[in-house]
Amino acid sequence: VQLQASGGGLVQAGGSLRLSCVVSGIDVSVRSAAWYRQYPGKQREAVAAISVGGTPSSLNSVKGRFAMSRDKAKNTLYLQMNNLQPEDTALYYCWVYDNYWGQGTLVTVSS
């Protein structure tokens, strides 16, 4: 099983990024999944998730700005991030049930 995350980068406040997580070895359409972020010295926190049935959810602090989706044909997860703020600067990880993780992709938001 491999999860390959990409799409991080440097963006100005108010900008947008879309993170991708290409999954191989398991079918994302039959598993729940999530995106986590981690600040230096802190534990990872889930910022967005998608249920087996495809229902998305997100952390209150990013609600209305971040949206998770999946493409069954490409077996890929996405995190669309709009109106990014400096406090969104973190390493972002994709996760698939039950314990599969992608490598982190760094998002840096300048003020």
Protein backbone atom coordinates (compact mmCIF):
# COMPACT_ATOMS: atom_id res chain seq x y z
CA VAL A 1 0.00 0.00 0.00
CA GLN A 2 1.30 3.44 -0.93
CA LEU A 3 -0.09 6.91 -0.42
CA GLN A 4 1.70 9.63 -2.38
CA ALA A 5 0.79 13.15 -1.26
CA SER A 6 1.62 16.26 -3.24
CA GLY A 7 0.49 19.81 -3.87
CA GLY A 8 1.97 21.68 -0.96
CA GLY A 9 3.89 24.88 -1.44
CA LEU A 10 4.20 28.53 -0.58
CA VAL A 11 1.19 30.76 -1.04
CA GLN A 12 0.17 34.22 0.12
CA ALA A 13 -2.66 34.69 2.58
CA GLY A 14 -5.97 34.49 0.80
CA GLY A 15 -4.62 32.11 -1.81
CA SER A 16 -5.56 28.54 -2.63
CA LEU A 17 -3.89 25.16 -2.92
CA ARG A 18 -5.14 21.70 -3.79
CA LEU A 19 -3.45 18.75 -2.17
CA SER A 20 -3.59 15.35 -3.83
CA CYS A 21 -3.01 11.88 -2.43
CA VAL A 22 -2.65 9.10 -4.97
CA VAL A 23 -3.40 5.76 -3.34
CA SER A 24 -2.28 2.36 -4.58
CA GLY A 25 -2.89 -1.08 -3.12
CA ILE A 26 -6.26 -0.34 -1.52
CA ASP A 27 -9.56 0.99 -2.83
CA VAL A 28 -10.36 4.41 -1.37
CA SER A 29 -13.99 4.14 -2.45
CA VAL A 30 -14.69 1.55 0.26
CA ARG A 31 -12.74 3.17 3.07
CA SER A 32 -13.02 6.31 5.11
CA ALA A 33 -10.17 8.76 4.71
CA ALA A 34 -8.94 12.04 6.07
CA TRP A 35 -6.41 14.81 5.82
CA TYR A 36 -4.42 15.70 8.93
CA ARG A 37 -2.07 18.54 9.65
CA GLN A 38 0.75 18.83 12.11
CA TYR A 39 2.37 21.92 13.58
CA PRO A 40 5.95 21.68 14.87
CA GLY A 41 6.01 19.98 18.24
CA LYS A 42 2.29 19.22 18.14
CA GLN A 43 0.20 16.13 17.49
CA ARG A 44 -1.53 15.67 14.18
CA GLU A 45 -5.11 16.90 13.96
CA ALA A 46 -7.71 15.89 11.43
CA VAL A 47 -8.83 18.85 9.33
CA ALA A 48 -11.14 17.09 6.88
CA ALA A 49 -12.55 13.62 6.40
CA ILE A 50 -14.72 11.65 4.03
CA SER A 51 -16.89 8.71 4.98
CA VAL A 52 -17.21 5.42 3.13
CA GLY A 53 -20.43 6.77 1.67
CA GLY A 54 -18.66 9.88 0.45
CA THR A 55 -19.95 12.38 3.01
CA PRO A 56 -17.32 15.03 3.73
CA SER A 57 -16.74 16.79 7.02
CA SER A 58 -14.22 19.31 8.27
CA LEU A 59 -12.80 20.93 11.37
CA ASN A 60 -14.73 24.00 12.48
CA SER A 61 -11.71 26.25 12.01
CA VAL A 62 -11.48 25.34 8.32
CA LYS A 63 -15.16 24.87 7.56
CA GLY A 64 -16.12 26.81 4.46
CA ARG A 65 -12.48 27.06 3.38
CA PHE A 66 -11.29 23.44 3.10
CA ALA A 67 -13.10 20.66 1.28
CA MET A 68 -12.11 17.03 0.93
CA SER A 69 -13.10 14.92 -2.03
CA ARG A 70 -12.11 11.70 -3.75
CA ASP A 71 -11.93 10.45 -7.30
CA LYS A 72 -12.79 6.77 -7.41
CA ALA A 73 -11.53 6.29 -10.94
CA LYS A 74 -8.13 7.72 -10.06
CA ASN A 75 -8.13 6.28 -6.53
CA THR A 76 -7.07 9.71 -5.36
CA LEU A 77 -7.98 11.94 -2.44
CA TYR A 78 -8.00 15.72 -2.61
CA LEU A 79 -8.02 18.61 -0.20
CA GLN A 80 -9.06 21.90 -1.72
CA MET A 81 -7.89 24.75 0.49
CA ASN A 82 -9.17 28.25 -0.14
CA ASN A 83 -8.61 31.56 1.62
CA LEU A 84 -5.49 30.17 3.25
CA GLN A 85 -4.22 31.92 6.35
CA PRO A 86 -0.80 31.95 8.05
CA GLU A 87 -2.18 29.69 10.79
CA ASP A 88 -2.77 27.01 8.15
CA THR A 89 1.00 26.65 7.74
CA ALA A 90 1.76 23.03 8.63
CA LEU A 91 2.69 19.62 7.29
CA TYR A 92 -0.35 17.95 5.77
CA TYR A 93 -0.82 14.17 5.68
CA CYS A 94 -3.39 11.97 3.99
CA TRP A 95 -4.76 8.97 5.86
CA VAL A 96 -6.87 5.99 4.82
CA TYR A 97 -8.61 3.56 7.18
CA ASP A 98 -7.38 1.84 9.11
CA ASN A 99 -3.83 3.04 9.47
CA TYR A 100 -2.32 4.00 6.14
CA TRP A 101 -0.47 7.31 5.92
CA GLY A 102 1.07 9.32 3.16
CA GLN A 103 4.22 11.34 3.59
CA GLY A 104 3.73 14.93 4.64
CA THR A 105 3.43 17.78 2.20
CA LEU A 106 4.36 21.21 3.50
CA VAL A 107 1.97 24.11 3.18
CA THR A 108 3.39 27.55 3.96
CA VAL A 109 1.16 30.61 3.98
CA SER A 110 2.81 34.02 4.08
CA SER A 111 1.08 37.09 5.48
